[in-house]
Amino acid sequence: MTKIKISAVSYTNTLPFIYGIENSDIINHIELAKDIPSVCAQKLLDNKVDLGLIPVAVIPKLNHSEIISDYCIGASGPVRSVILASYKPLNEIDTIYLDYHSRSSVMLTRILAKKFWKINVKWTDTSDGFENRIKENEAAVIIGDKALVVEKKFPFVYDLAEEWIKNTKLPFVFAAWVSNKNLGSTFKTEFNAALKNGLDRIDDVIKTYDFSVISNHISPKTYLEKNIDFQLDEKKINGMNLFLEFAKDFQ
């Protein structure tokens, strides 16, 4: 039988999913790659994988898309690992650097800037190490583990999930498990069970993987259990649909 190819995000917030997959029988039936979010998305767009944990902003770009899991990378409060960081407050920012790792976070920042913050800025693409080159009146969208590392470096840190929730009264979904073809009900059931197994064993996840990439002031257990909301429930689907509707104005 041909193995199903999967691309999963390689960040700390995905480790419960990785643990569940790697410690279930489903690992014998898949080929698992670990990538940054933008690469997950591109692999799915290019049909190099069958399933990816992709930024939700990419879903409309797929010819065929199906969310196959009850779980996601979401937030119902401050997420901490998706931020806008600056040395100045929002009304004094004239340039925003965009993290090249994720399309959803970049789109979320554009939506917040236009619809809610009401600021007009220059948008600038970035390269590796950009978070260390921010100057006065500049800000940067920083995501993933490096956001957790630099959160105490800047006097102004805007948690993008918290900003979205404050303005829309809905939670936010950063990434979902999306397939570009029909994978069948049996696989979906087994895959969901594997993900749930990881989420039910956070203590084992913390014992298994290296969390030294994030700062010492952050508790991995608190981050995974309080900041990340993994359940793709009705409210998150409503938040995701609103985000995708807003995103149409930027395409």
Foldseek 3Di string as FASTA:
>chain_A
DAAAEEEEEPFLLCLLLVQLCVPDPSVVRHHYHYHQQVVQLVCQQVVVGFKYFHFLLSQVVAPAKDQLEQWAWWFPAQLQFWKKFAQDDPQLAAEEEEDPRHDNSVLLVVLCCVPPVVDHHHYHYDDPPVVVVHDHSYIYTGGGQVSLACVVVGPDMGRSQNSLCVVPVFIEGGTTIMGSDDPDDVVSVRSNSSSVVSLVPVVVSVVPDDPVSGDPVDDSVCSNPPNTDTGNDPRHVVNSVVSNVSSVVVD
